[in-house]
N, C-alpha and C. Protein backbone atom coordinates (compact mmCIF):
# COMPACT_ATOMS: atom_id res chain seq x y z
N UNK A 1 20.01 134.25 71.21
CA UNK A 1 21.36 133.71 71.01
C UNK A 1 22.32 134.28 72.06
N UNK A 2 23.14 133.40 72.67
CA UNK A 2 24.05 133.85 73.71
C UNK A 2 25.20 134.66 73.13
N UNK A 3 25.60 135.70 73.86
CA UNK A 3 26.78 136.47 73.47
C UNK A 3 28.01 135.62 73.73
N UNK A 4 29.09 135.88 72.98
CA UNK A 4 30.32 135.10 73.10
C UNK A 4 30.82 135.03 74.54
N UNK A 5 30.77 136.18 75.27
CA UNK A 5 31.27 136.19 76.64
C UNK A 5 30.46 135.25 77.53
N UNK A 6 29.17 135.11 77.25
CA UNK A 6 28.34 134.17 77.99
C UNK A 6 28.73 132.73 77.65
N UNK A 7 29.06 132.50 76.39
CA UNK A 7 29.48 131.17 75.98
C UNK A 7 30.75 130.74 76.71
N UNK A 8 31.68 131.67 76.87
CA UNK A 8 32.93 131.37 77.56
C UNK A 8 32.65 130.88 78.97
N UNK A 9 31.73 131.53 79.65
CA UNK A 9 31.41 131.17 81.02
C UNK A 9 30.75 129.80 81.11
N UNK A 10 30.20 129.31 80.03
CA UNK A 10 29.49 128.04 80.04
C UNK A 10 30.36 126.87 79.60
N UNK A 11 31.65 127.10 79.45
CA UNK A 11 32.56 126.07 78.95
C UNK A 11 33.31 125.41 80.10
N UNK A 12 33.54 124.10 79.98
CA UNK A 12 34.46 123.38 80.86
C UNK A 12 35.65 122.94 80.01
N UNK A 13 36.83 123.35 80.42
CA UNK A 13 38.07 123.03 79.71
C UNK A 13 38.70 121.80 80.36
N UNK A 14 38.86 120.72 79.60
CA UNK A 14 39.35 119.46 80.17
C UNK A 14 40.86 119.29 80.03
N UNK A 15 41.56 120.33 79.58
CA UNK A 15 42.99 120.16 79.33
C UNK A 15 43.76 121.40 79.75
N UNK A 16 43.85 121.62 81.07
CA UNK A 16 44.55 122.79 81.63
C UNK A 16 45.72 122.31 82.48
N UNK A 17 46.88 122.92 82.28
CA UNK A 17 48.11 122.47 82.93
C UNK A 17 48.60 123.44 84.01
N UNK A 18 47.69 124.11 84.68
CA UNK A 18 48.08 125.01 85.75
C UNK A 18 48.83 124.26 86.85
N UNK A 19 49.77 124.96 87.49
CA UNK A 19 50.45 124.40 88.65
C UNK A 19 51.73 123.67 88.35
N UNK A 20 52.06 123.49 87.07
CA UNK A 20 53.29 122.79 86.73
C UNK A 20 54.46 123.76 86.73
N UNK A 21 55.57 123.34 87.23
CA UNK A 21 56.76 124.17 87.38
C UNK A 21 57.15 124.84 86.06
N UNK A 22 57.55 126.08 86.14
CA UNK A 22 58.01 126.90 85.02
C UNK A 22 56.87 127.45 84.18
N UNK A 23 55.62 127.15 84.55
CA UNK A 23 54.50 127.66 83.76
C UNK A 23 53.47 128.33 84.67
N UNK A 24 53.88 129.39 85.40
CA UNK A 24 52.92 130.12 86.22
C UNK A 24 51.91 130.85 85.33
N UNK A 25 50.68 130.90 85.76
CA UNK A 25 49.66 131.58 84.94
C UNK A 25 48.43 131.85 85.80
N UNK A 26 47.63 132.78 85.34
CA UNK A 26 46.33 133.03 85.96
C UNK A 26 45.37 131.92 85.55
N UNK A 27 44.36 131.73 86.36
CA UNK A 27 43.35 130.74 86.00
C UNK A 27 42.60 131.22 84.75
N UNK A 28 42.25 130.30 83.87
CA UNK A 28 41.53 130.69 82.66
C UNK A 28 40.11 131.14 82.98
N UNK A 29 39.44 131.83 82.07
CA UNK A 29 38.10 132.37 82.33
C UNK A 29 37.00 131.33 82.13
N UNK A 30 37.31 130.07 82.37
CA UNK A 30 36.35 128.98 82.20
C UNK A 30 36.52 128.01 83.37
N UNK A 31 35.53 127.14 83.55
CA UNK A 31 35.70 126.03 84.48
C UNK A 31 36.70 125.07 83.86
N UNK A 32 37.46 124.33 84.68
CA UNK A 32 38.49 123.50 84.06
C UNK A 32 38.81 122.26 84.89
N UNK A 33 39.42 121.30 84.19
CA UNK A 33 39.95 120.07 84.78
C UNK A 33 41.46 120.08 84.57
N UNK A 34 42.21 119.72 85.60
CA UNK A 34 43.67 119.77 85.54
C UNK A 34 44.26 118.53 84.88
N UNK A 35 45.20 118.77 83.98
CA UNK A 35 45.95 117.71 83.31
C UNK A 35 47.41 117.83 83.76
N UNK A 36 48.00 116.78 84.36
CA UNK A 36 49.35 116.88 84.92
C UNK A 36 50.50 116.67 83.94
N UNK A 37 50.20 116.53 82.66
CA UNK A 37 51.25 116.26 81.68
C UNK A 37 52.13 117.49 81.43
N UNK A 38 53.44 117.31 81.47
CA UNK A 38 54.36 118.38 81.16
C UNK A 38 54.36 118.69 79.67
N UNK A 39 54.81 119.89 79.32
CA UNK A 39 54.81 120.32 77.91
C UNK A 39 55.83 119.54 77.10
N UNK A 40 57.01 119.32 77.67
CA UNK A 40 58.06 118.64 76.92
C UNK A 40 58.23 117.21 77.44
N UNK A 41 58.93 116.39 76.69
CA UNK A 41 59.12 114.99 77.04
C UNK A 41 59.63 114.86 78.48
N UNK A 42 58.96 114.06 79.25
CA UNK A 42 59.34 113.81 80.64
C UNK A 42 59.11 112.34 80.93
N UNK A 43 60.13 111.68 81.41
CA UNK A 43 60.01 110.25 81.71
C UNK A 43 59.55 110.02 83.15
N UNK A 44 59.01 111.07 83.77
CA UNK A 44 58.54 110.95 85.15
C UNK A 44 57.42 109.91 85.24
N UNK A 45 57.32 109.30 86.40
CA UNK A 45 56.30 108.28 86.61
C UNK A 45 54.89 108.86 86.49
N UNK A 46 54.69 110.05 87.08
CA UNK A 46 53.35 110.64 87.11
C UNK A 46 53.35 112.09 86.63
N UNK A 47 54.40 112.52 85.95
CA UNK A 47 54.53 113.91 85.52
C UNK A 47 54.26 114.85 86.70
N UNK A 48 53.35 115.81 86.55
CA UNK A 48 53.15 116.80 87.60
C UNK A 48 51.95 116.55 88.49
N UNK A 49 51.53 115.30 88.61
CA UNK A 49 50.29 115.02 89.34
C UNK A 49 50.30 115.56 90.77
N UNK A 50 51.30 115.20 91.55
CA UNK A 50 51.31 115.59 92.97
C UNK A 50 51.59 117.08 93.14
N UNK A 51 52.31 117.66 92.22
CA UNK A 51 52.54 119.10 92.25
C UNK A 51 51.22 119.83 92.08
N UNK A 52 50.42 119.41 91.12
CA UNK A 52 49.12 120.03 90.91
C UNK A 52 48.21 119.80 92.10
N UNK A 53 48.25 118.60 92.65
CA UNK A 53 47.37 118.27 93.77
C UNK A 53 47.65 119.17 94.97
N UNK A 54 48.92 119.42 95.25
CA UNK A 54 49.28 120.27 96.39
C UNK A 54 48.84 121.72 96.18
N UNK A 55 48.90 122.19 94.94
CA UNK A 55 48.55 123.58 94.65
C UNK A 55 47.05 123.79 94.48
N UNK A 56 46.36 122.78 93.95
CA UNK A 56 44.93 122.90 93.66
C UNK A 56 44.18 121.67 94.19
N UNK A 57 44.17 121.45 95.50
CA UNK A 57 43.59 120.23 96.04
C UNK A 57 42.09 120.08 95.80
N UNK A 58 41.38 121.19 95.58
CA UNK A 58 39.93 121.12 95.44
C UNK A 58 39.47 121.03 93.97
N UNK A 59 40.39 121.15 93.04
CA UNK A 59 40.02 121.16 91.62
C UNK A 59 39.82 119.74 91.08
N UNK A 60 38.96 119.61 90.08
CA UNK A 60 38.84 118.35 89.36
C UNK A 60 40.14 118.10 88.61
N UNK A 61 40.57 116.84 88.57
CA UNK A 61 41.88 116.56 87.99
C UNK A 61 41.88 115.21 87.28
N UNK A 62 42.86 115.06 86.39
CA UNK A 62 43.11 113.78 85.72
C UNK A 62 44.32 113.13 86.37
N UNK A 63 44.33 111.81 86.38
CA UNK A 63 45.49 111.07 86.86
C UNK A 63 46.48 110.84 85.74
N UNK A 64 47.67 110.39 86.10
CA UNK A 64 48.72 110.16 85.11
C UNK A 64 49.60 109.00 85.56
N UNK A 65 49.97 108.15 84.60
CA UNK A 65 50.89 107.05 84.90
C UNK A 65 51.69 106.72 83.65
N UNK A 66 53.00 106.59 83.84
CA UNK A 66 53.90 106.17 82.78
C UNK A 66 54.20 104.68 82.99
N UNK A 67 53.90 103.82 82.02
CA UNK A 67 54.10 102.37 82.20
C UNK A 67 55.52 101.95 82.54
N UNK A 68 56.51 102.82 82.32
CA UNK A 68 57.88 102.45 82.69
C UNK A 68 58.13 102.67 84.20
N UNK A 69 57.12 103.19 84.89
CA UNK A 69 57.25 103.48 86.31
C UNK A 69 57.54 102.21 87.10
N UNK A 70 58.43 102.32 88.11
CA UNK A 70 58.77 101.17 88.95
C UNK A 70 57.66 100.84 89.94
N UNK A 71 56.83 101.82 90.25
CA UNK A 71 55.70 101.57 91.14
C UNK A 71 54.61 100.85 90.34
N UNK A 72 54.11 99.71 90.82
CA UNK A 72 53.08 98.97 90.07
C UNK A 72 51.86 99.85 89.81
N UNK A 73 51.22 99.69 88.65
CA UNK A 73 50.06 100.54 88.32
C UNK A 73 48.94 100.43 89.33
N UNK A 74 48.69 99.24 89.90
CA UNK A 74 47.59 99.11 90.86
C UNK A 74 47.85 99.94 92.11
N UNK A 75 49.12 100.13 92.46
CA UNK A 75 49.47 100.94 93.63
C UNK A 75 49.31 102.43 93.32
N UNK A 76 49.90 102.87 92.22
CA UNK A 76 49.87 104.29 91.89
C UNK A 76 48.48 104.78 91.51
N UNK A 77 47.75 103.99 90.74
CA UNK A 77 46.41 104.40 90.34
C UNK A 77 45.52 104.55 91.57
N UNK A 78 45.61 103.63 92.51
CA UNK A 78 44.78 103.71 93.72
C UNK A 78 45.12 104.96 94.54
N UNK A 79 46.39 105.34 94.59
CA UNK A 79 46.80 106.56 95.29
C UNK A 79 46.12 107.78 94.68
N UNK A 80 46.09 107.81 93.36
CA UNK A 80 45.52 108.96 92.67
C UNK A 80 43.99 108.97 92.77
N UNK A 81 43.39 107.80 92.72
CA UNK A 81 41.94 107.72 92.89
C UNK A 81 41.53 108.29 94.24
N UNK A 82 42.31 108.01 95.27
CA UNK A 82 42.04 108.55 96.60
C UNK A 82 42.08 110.07 96.62
N UNK A 83 42.77 110.66 95.67
CA UNK A 83 42.89 112.12 95.59
C UNK A 83 41.89 112.72 94.61
N UNK A 84 40.92 111.92 94.19
CA UNK A 84 39.77 112.46 93.49
C UNK A 84 39.90 112.68 92.01
N UNK A 85 40.56 111.80 91.28
CA UNK A 85 40.68 111.99 89.83
C UNK A 85 39.36 111.65 89.14
N UNK A 86 39.10 112.32 88.01
CA UNK A 86 37.88 112.07 87.23
C UNK A 86 38.18 111.38 85.91
N UNK A 87 39.44 111.10 85.65
CA UNK A 87 39.86 110.43 84.43
C UNK A 87 41.35 110.18 84.51
N UNK A 88 41.88 109.53 83.47
CA UNK A 88 43.29 109.16 83.49
C UNK A 88 43.93 109.49 82.15
N UNK A 89 45.16 110.05 82.21
CA UNK A 89 45.87 110.47 81.00
C UNK A 89 46.97 109.47 80.64
N UNK A 90 47.05 109.14 79.37
CA UNK A 90 48.17 108.38 78.83
C UNK A 90 48.88 109.26 77.80
N UNK A 91 50.21 109.29 77.88
CA UNK A 91 50.98 110.14 76.98
C UNK A 91 52.05 109.31 76.26
N UNK A 92 51.63 108.42 75.35
CA UNK A 92 52.59 107.58 74.66
C UNK A 92 53.57 108.35 73.79
N UNK A 93 53.19 109.55 73.38
CA UNK A 93 54.07 110.36 72.52
C UNK A 93 55.31 110.79 73.28
N UNK A 94 55.13 111.36 74.46
CA UNK A 94 56.26 111.84 75.24
C UNK A 94 56.89 110.78 76.14
N UNK A 95 56.11 109.78 76.52
CA UNK A 95 56.64 108.75 77.41
C UNK A 95 57.26 107.57 76.65
N UNK A 96 57.06 107.52 75.35
CA UNK A 96 57.78 106.56 74.52
C UNK A 96 57.35 105.12 74.64
N UNK A 97 56.06 104.86 74.79
CA UNK A 97 55.59 103.47 74.81
C UNK A 97 54.52 103.27 73.73
N UNK A 98 54.23 102.03 73.45
CA UNK A 98 53.29 101.66 72.40
C UNK A 98 51.91 101.42 73.00
N UNK A 99 50.88 102.00 72.40
CA UNK A 99 49.53 101.82 72.91
C UNK A 99 49.04 100.37 72.81
N UNK A 100 49.71 99.58 72.01
CA UNK A 100 49.35 98.17 71.91
C UNK A 100 49.82 97.37 73.12
N UNK A 101 50.61 98.02 74.00
CA UNK A 101 51.23 97.30 75.11
C UNK A 101 50.73 97.76 76.48
N UNK A 102 49.55 98.37 76.53
CA UNK A 102 49.08 98.94 77.80
C UNK A 102 47.98 98.13 78.46
N UNK A 103 47.76 96.91 78.02
CA UNK A 103 46.68 96.10 78.58
C UNK A 103 46.77 95.94 80.10
N UNK A 104 47.97 95.75 80.69
CA UNK A 104 48.04 95.64 82.16
C UNK A 104 47.53 96.90 82.87
N UNK A 105 47.83 98.07 82.31
CA UNK A 105 47.34 99.30 82.90
C UNK A 105 45.83 99.43 82.72
N UNK A 106 45.34 99.09 81.55
CA UNK A 106 43.90 99.13 81.30
C UNK A 106 43.17 98.22 82.28
N UNK A 107 43.76 97.09 82.59
CA UNK A 107 43.17 96.15 83.57
C UNK A 107 42.95 96.84 84.91
N UNK A 108 43.89 97.66 85.33
CA UNK A 108 43.77 98.39 86.59
C UNK A 108 42.71 99.48 86.48
N UNK A 109 42.70 100.20 85.37
CA UNK A 109 41.74 101.29 85.19
C UNK A 109 40.31 100.77 85.12
N UNK A 110 40.12 99.57 84.60
CA UNK A 110 38.79 98.96 84.54
C UNK A 110 38.14 98.90 85.91
N UNK A 111 38.93 98.59 86.90
CA UNK A 111 38.43 98.45 88.28
C UNK A 111 37.77 99.73 88.77
N UNK A 112 38.30 100.87 88.32
CA UNK A 112 37.80 102.16 88.80
C UNK A 112 36.85 102.83 87.81
N UNK A 113 36.61 102.22 86.66
CA UNK A 113 35.65 102.74 85.68
C UNK A 113 36.02 104.16 85.26
N UNK A 114 37.32 104.38 84.97
CA UNK A 114 37.82 105.72 84.67
C UNK A 114 37.87 106.00 83.17
N UNK A 115 37.38 107.17 82.75
CA UNK A 115 37.57 107.60 81.36
C UNK A 115 39.05 107.74 81.05
N UNK A 116 39.40 107.49 79.80
CA UNK A 116 40.80 107.48 79.40
C UNK A 116 41.07 108.62 78.43
N UNK A 117 42.00 109.52 78.78
CA UNK A 117 42.45 110.59 77.91
C UNK A 117 43.78 110.17 77.32
N UNK A 118 43.91 110.25 76.01
CA UNK A 118 45.13 109.76 75.35
C UNK A 118 45.67 110.82 74.40
N UNK A 119 46.96 111.13 74.52
CA UNK A 119 47.60 112.04 73.59
C UNK A 119 47.76 111.36 72.24
N UNK A 120 47.24 112.01 71.22
CA UNK A 120 47.30 111.46 69.87
C UNK A 120 47.84 112.52 68.91
N UNK A 121 48.18 112.10 67.69
CA UNK A 121 48.55 113.07 66.67
C UNK A 121 49.88 112.84 66.00
N UNK A 122 50.79 112.17 66.69
CA UNK A 122 52.09 111.89 66.08
C UNK A 122 52.76 110.73 66.82
N UNK A 123 53.83 110.20 66.22
CA UNK A 123 54.58 109.13 66.87
C UNK A 123 53.72 107.98 67.34
N UNK A 124 53.80 107.66 68.62
CA UNK A 124 53.04 106.55 69.18
C UNK A 124 51.57 106.89 69.45
N UNK A 125 51.15 108.09 69.13
CA UNK A 125 49.78 108.49 69.40
C UNK A 125 48.83 108.23 68.26
N UNK A 126 48.76 106.99 67.81
CA UNK A 126 47.85 106.61 66.71
C UNK A 126 46.52 106.14 67.29
N UNK A 127 45.43 106.87 67.06
CA UNK A 127 44.14 106.51 67.66
C UNK A 127 43.65 105.12 67.30
N UNK A 128 44.04 104.62 66.15
CA UNK A 128 43.54 103.30 65.74
C UNK A 128 43.98 102.20 66.69
N UNK A 129 45.06 102.43 67.44
CA UNK A 129 45.55 101.43 68.38
C UNK A 129 44.72 101.34 69.65
N UNK A 130 43.74 102.23 69.77
CA UNK A 130 42.90 102.24 70.97
C UNK A 130 41.61 101.44 70.80
N UNK A 131 41.33 101.03 69.60
CA UNK A 131 40.05 100.36 69.33
C UNK A 131 39.85 99.13 70.22
N UNK A 132 40.90 98.39 70.47
CA UNK A 132 40.76 97.15 71.24
C UNK A 132 40.40 97.38 72.70
N UNK A 133 40.54 98.64 73.17
CA UNK A 133 40.24 98.92 74.58
C UNK A 133 38.85 99.52 74.78
N UNK A 134 38.10 99.74 73.71
CA UNK A 134 36.81 100.41 73.81
C UNK A 134 35.83 99.68 74.72
N UNK A 135 35.89 98.37 74.75
CA UNK A 135 34.96 97.61 75.57
C UNK A 135 35.36 97.58 77.04
N UNK A 136 36.53 98.12 77.34
CA UNK A 136 37.07 97.97 78.69
C UNK A 136 37.07 99.27 79.51
N UNK A 137 36.78 100.40 78.87
CA UNK A 137 36.73 101.68 79.59
C UNK A 137 35.43 102.38 79.21
N UNK A 138 34.94 103.27 80.10
CA UNK A 138 33.66 103.92 79.81
C UNK A 138 33.72 104.95 78.69
N UNK A 139 34.93 105.52 78.47
CA UNK A 139 35.06 106.59 77.49
C UNK A 139 36.53 106.77 77.14
N UNK A 140 36.81 107.09 75.87
CA UNK A 140 38.16 107.44 75.45
C UNK A 140 38.11 108.82 74.82
N UNK A 141 38.94 109.74 75.32
CA UNK A 141 39.02 111.09 74.77
C UNK A 141 40.35 111.24 74.05
N UNK A 142 40.30 111.54 72.78
CA UNK A 142 41.51 111.70 71.98
C UNK A 142 42.01 113.14 72.08
N UNK A 143 43.04 113.36 72.91
CA UNK A 143 43.62 114.69 73.02
C UNK A 143 44.25 115.06 71.67
N UNK A 144 43.92 116.24 71.18
CA UNK A 144 44.35 116.77 69.87
C UNK A 144 43.63 116.09 68.70
N UNK A 145 42.66 115.22 68.97
CA UNK A 145 41.85 114.63 67.89
C UNK A 145 42.67 114.01 66.76
N UNK A 146 43.83 113.46 67.09
CA UNK A 146 44.67 112.84 66.08
C UNK A 146 45.49 113.80 65.25
N UNK A 147 45.37 115.11 65.50
CA UNK A 147 46.09 116.12 64.72
C UNK A 147 47.55 116.20 65.19
N UNK A 148 48.55 116.30 64.28
CA UNK A 148 48.39 116.54 62.83
C UNK A 148 48.45 115.29 61.95
N UNK A 149 49.03 114.20 62.45
CA UNK A 149 49.36 113.08 61.56
C UNK A 149 48.30 111.99 61.47
N UNK A 150 47.37 111.96 62.44
CA UNK A 150 46.43 110.84 62.50
C UNK A 150 44.97 111.30 62.50
N UNK A 151 44.68 112.37 61.79
CA UNK A 151 43.30 112.87 61.74
C UNK A 151 42.38 111.85 61.08
N UNK A 152 42.82 111.25 59.99
CA UNK A 152 41.99 110.26 59.30
C UNK A 152 41.73 109.04 60.18
N UNK A 153 42.76 108.62 60.94
CA UNK A 153 42.58 107.49 61.86
C UNK A 153 41.60 107.84 62.97
N UNK A 154 41.67 109.09 63.44
CA UNK A 154 40.73 109.54 64.47
C UNK A 154 39.31 109.58 63.91
N UNK A 155 39.19 110.05 62.68
CA UNK A 155 37.86 110.17 62.06
C UNK A 155 37.17 108.83 61.91
N UNK A 156 37.94 107.77 61.75
CA UNK A 156 37.36 106.44 61.63
C UNK A 156 36.70 105.97 62.92
N UNK A 157 37.00 106.67 64.04
CA UNK A 157 36.40 106.32 65.32
C UNK A 157 35.14 107.12 65.63
N UNK A 158 34.70 107.95 64.68
CA UNK A 158 33.50 108.75 64.89
C UNK A 158 32.26 107.88 65.13
N UNK A 159 32.25 106.68 64.58
CA UNK A 159 31.10 105.79 64.75
C UNK A 159 31.07 105.13 66.13
N UNK A 160 32.16 105.25 66.87
CA UNK A 160 32.24 104.62 68.19
C UNK A 160 31.67 105.58 69.25
N UNK A 161 30.61 105.17 69.90
CA UNK A 161 29.94 106.04 70.87
C UNK A 161 30.83 106.39 72.06
N UNK A 162 31.81 105.56 72.34
CA UNK A 162 32.65 105.78 73.51
C UNK A 162 33.83 106.72 73.25
N UNK A 163 33.92 107.28 72.07
CA UNK A 163 35.07 108.12 71.72
C UNK A 163 34.65 109.58 71.58
N UNK A 164 35.40 110.48 72.24
CA UNK A 164 35.23 111.92 72.08
C UNK A 164 36.54 112.52 71.58
N UNK A 165 36.44 113.72 71.02
CA UNK A 165 37.58 114.33 70.33
C UNK A 165 37.88 115.69 70.95
N UNK A 166 39.02 115.78 71.63
CA UNK A 166 39.42 117.00 72.33
C UNK A 166 39.98 118.01 71.34
N UNK A 167 39.80 119.29 71.63
CA UNK A 167 40.00 120.33 70.61
C UNK A 167 41.33 121.06 70.64
N UNK A 168 42.17 120.88 71.67
CA UNK A 168 43.36 121.73 71.80
C UNK A 168 44.33 121.53 70.64
N UNK A 169 44.86 122.66 70.16
CA UNK A 169 45.87 122.73 69.09
C UNK A 169 45.35 122.30 67.73
N UNK A 170 44.08 121.94 67.63
CA UNK A 170 43.51 121.47 66.37
C UNK A 170 42.93 122.67 65.60
N UNK A 171 43.36 122.90 64.36
CA UNK A 171 42.76 123.99 63.57
C UNK A 171 41.24 123.83 63.53
N UNK A 172 40.53 124.95 63.63
CA UNK A 172 39.08 124.84 63.76
C UNK A 172 38.44 124.15 62.56
N UNK A 173 39.02 124.34 61.37
CA UNK A 173 38.40 123.70 60.19
C UNK A 173 38.54 122.19 60.24
N UNK A 174 39.55 121.68 60.92
CA UNK A 174 39.69 120.23 61.10
C UNK A 174 38.82 119.76 62.25
N UNK A 175 38.79 120.52 63.33
CA UNK A 175 37.95 120.15 64.46
C UNK A 175 36.48 120.05 64.07
N UNK A 176 36.06 120.86 63.13
CA UNK A 176 34.65 120.84 62.69
C UNK A 176 34.27 119.49 62.08
N UNK A 177 35.24 118.72 61.64
CA UNK A 177 34.95 117.39 61.10
C UNK A 177 34.41 116.45 62.19
N UNK A 178 34.63 116.84 63.46
CA UNK A 178 34.19 116.01 64.58
C UNK A 178 33.01 116.63 65.33
N UNK A 179 32.30 117.55 64.69
CA UNK A 179 31.22 118.29 65.35
C UNK A 179 30.20 117.35 65.98
N UNK A 180 29.78 117.73 67.17
CA UNK A 180 28.81 116.95 67.92
C UNK A 180 29.45 115.94 68.85
N UNK A 181 30.76 115.68 68.65
CA UNK A 181 31.44 114.65 69.44
C UNK A 181 32.71 115.20 70.11
N UNK A 182 32.81 116.53 70.18
CA UNK A 182 34.02 117.13 70.72
C UNK A 182 33.86 117.46 72.20
N UNK A 183 34.99 117.55 72.89
CA UNK A 183 35.03 118.01 74.27
C UNK A 183 36.12 119.07 74.33
N UNK A 184 35.79 120.23 74.88
CA UNK A 184 36.68 121.38 74.76
C UNK A 184 37.92 121.24 75.64
N UNK A 185 39.08 121.51 75.04
CA UNK A 185 40.35 121.57 75.76
C UNK A 185 41.20 122.65 75.13
N UNK A 186 42.03 123.31 75.95
CA UNK A 186 42.81 124.45 75.44
C UNK A 186 44.32 124.24 75.47
N UNK A 187 44.80 123.34 76.34
CA UNK A 187 46.24 123.17 76.56
C UNK A 187 46.85 124.41 77.21
N UNK A 188 46.03 125.17 77.92
CA UNK A 188 46.48 126.36 78.62
C UNK A 188 47.23 125.97 79.89
N UNK A 189 48.31 126.65 80.31
CA UNK A 189 48.94 127.83 79.70
C UNK A 189 50.08 127.50 78.74
N UNK A 190 50.30 126.21 78.45
CA UNK A 190 51.33 125.87 77.46
C UNK A 190 51.02 126.57 76.14
N UNK A 191 49.73 126.64 75.83
CA UNK A 191 49.27 127.30 74.61
C UNK A 191 48.44 128.51 75.04
N UNK A 192 48.88 129.70 74.70
CA UNK A 192 48.16 130.92 75.06
C UNK A 192 46.94 131.07 74.17
N UNK A 193 45.79 131.15 74.80
CA UNK A 193 44.53 131.07 74.06
C UNK A 193 43.68 132.31 74.28
N UNK A 194 43.12 132.84 73.20
CA UNK A 194 42.05 133.82 73.31
C UNK A 194 40.77 132.98 73.40
N UNK A 195 40.30 132.74 74.62
CA UNK A 195 39.22 131.79 74.82
C UNK A 195 37.95 132.18 74.07
N UNK A 196 37.61 133.45 74.09
CA UNK A 196 36.39 133.89 73.42
C UNK A 196 36.47 133.62 71.92
N UNK A 197 37.59 133.98 71.31
CA UNK A 197 37.76 133.77 69.87
C UNK A 197 37.80 132.28 69.54
N UNK A 198 38.51 131.50 70.35
CA UNK A 198 38.64 130.07 70.08
C UNK A 198 37.30 129.36 70.19
N UNK A 199 36.56 129.64 71.23
CA UNK A 199 35.27 128.98 71.43
C UNK A 199 34.30 129.37 70.32
N UNK A 200 34.36 130.63 69.90
CA UNK A 200 33.51 131.07 68.80
C UNK A 200 33.84 130.34 67.50
N UNK A 201 35.14 130.22 67.19
CA UNK A 201 35.54 129.62 65.92
C UNK A 201 35.21 128.13 65.84
N UNK A 202 35.16 127.47 66.99
CA UNK A 202 34.86 126.03 66.99
C UNK A 202 33.38 125.74 66.84
N UNK A 203 32.53 126.74 67.09
CA UNK A 203 31.07 126.58 66.97
C UNK A 203 30.59 125.36 67.77
N UNK A 204 30.94 125.34 69.03
CA UNK A 204 30.61 124.22 69.90
C UNK A 204 29.13 124.20 70.23
N UNK A 205 28.54 123.01 70.26
CA UNK A 205 27.16 122.92 70.73
C UNK A 205 27.17 122.79 72.25
N UNK A 206 26.00 122.72 72.86
CA UNK A 206 25.90 122.74 74.32
C UNK A 206 26.62 121.57 74.97
N UNK A 207 26.49 120.40 74.40
CA UNK A 207 27.17 119.23 74.98
C UNK A 207 28.68 119.38 74.89
N UNK A 208 29.16 119.94 73.79
CA UNK A 208 30.60 120.09 73.60
C UNK A 208 31.18 121.16 74.52
N UNK A 209 30.43 122.21 74.77
CA UNK A 209 30.92 123.28 75.65
C UNK A 209 31.02 122.82 77.10
N UNK A 210 30.05 122.04 77.53
CA UNK A 210 29.96 121.76 78.96
C UNK A 210 29.46 120.36 79.28
N UNK A 211 28.49 119.90 78.54
CA UNK A 211 27.76 118.68 78.90
C UNK A 211 28.61 117.44 79.05
N UNK A 212 29.48 117.18 78.08
CA UNK A 212 30.31 115.98 78.14
C UNK A 212 31.22 116.01 79.37
N UNK A 213 31.84 117.15 79.60
CA UNK A 213 32.77 117.28 80.73
C UNK A 213 32.02 117.22 82.06
N UNK A 214 30.86 117.83 82.10
CA UNK A 214 30.06 117.82 83.33
C UNK A 214 29.64 116.40 83.68
N UNK A 215 29.27 115.62 82.69
CA UNK A 215 28.89 114.23 82.92
C UNK A 215 30.08 113.42 83.42
N UNK A 216 31.25 113.71 82.88
CA UNK A 216 32.49 113.03 83.31
C UNK A 216 32.76 113.31 84.78
N UNK A 217 32.63 114.57 85.19
CA UNK A 217 32.89 114.95 86.57
C UNK A 217 31.88 114.30 87.51
N UNK A 218 30.61 114.36 87.16
CA UNK A 218 29.56 113.80 88.02
C UNK A 218 29.68 112.29 88.15
N UNK A 219 30.10 111.64 87.05
CA UNK A 219 30.24 110.19 87.04
C UNK A 219 31.30 109.72 88.02
N UNK A 220 32.30 110.57 88.28
CA UNK A 220 33.45 110.15 89.07
C UNK A 220 33.57 110.88 90.40
N UNK A 221 32.46 111.42 90.91
CA UNK A 221 32.48 112.07 92.22
C UNK A 221 31.44 111.45 93.13
């Protein structure tokens, strides 16, 4: 059996916000993918995407687009694809749009076969509104697994092979309801995490610690 410290080294964190203004931090003790979403509501077109890119040009990263952006999605998404994104983030909670109204953006993402990361858990982040897009993207990752307000709605998607459940901010006893289908995320450094303790409490299997994220990265490089 692996020691906890060995487990930490074998994890890929898909939800790290390093490089965003006002949140300086050391790199976490795990491999990671950059998420450009700001901690608080921001109506920016792409949140901190280009800021992260300038600071960490060699790191795996997620793209970001706010549908209220004046730049057409086909233009902005292609710019970010050129900079090596491995997935795309939607933040309907902070950006204030309805997931039922994102079909034009999904049409653009289809072209690039990009996994979709979506903030869920409150307000406009209802996972049930994503069901209609399952046939159009290779994978949907529910950031926060629908916690706190939409856990039951998230759980109804457990039967969908294309859906994974991200672990950040989710109490471990709730995250365990999604065992076998989780992908590790910490929300670091917005959320200060004892990585060893957190990874231990979640009881992640090998695919959840690394495999799902590794496949995502390889698929898009």
